[in-house]
């Protein structure tokens, strides 16, 4: 599980979804100080060398833990924003025009768990029910073929679901 490109938010599709998730569901987050993807982009190997070096610093770790993640969690939990995102994502899951809508719901759940945001019991169950419906590559997938989980990412997501606690952010970088 230590190779890059296998876990959650290390694949092209995961990062694309994290970056544009709210907008793809018709929600505006342009005024947010920190984006949903700011909680996970530190593992993007396509980032420049200086950015990757900064992501490894203690300063950034503290900023992520003490500012970015709590900020995004608060945004998810304010005015039931997370619940509204889930409702919008679930409503589009059977849309045959928009690709990967079920996986987008999974990425939303992963981002909410990353933040430690509240997730309703029925949405947690829905996420568990979606996992067997999502394509899973047993090994690294090229960006053009990145259509869902890679096996270690699926294991990470299932572990996150099993151990989910509102208010407790899930770190997908640390081995579990």
Foldseek 3Di string as FASTA:
>chain_A
DPDAQAAQLRAPVLLVLQVCVQVVLPHDPPVQPEGLCNLRCLSHPVDDPVSVVVSPDPVNVCCSVPPRLQSVQVVCAPPVVLVVSLVSLVVCPPPPVDALSLQSLLSSVLSNLQSLHDDDPVSLVVNVVSLVVFDEDCDHDDNVGPGHHHVNNSVLSVVSSVPRDRPDHDDRVDDD
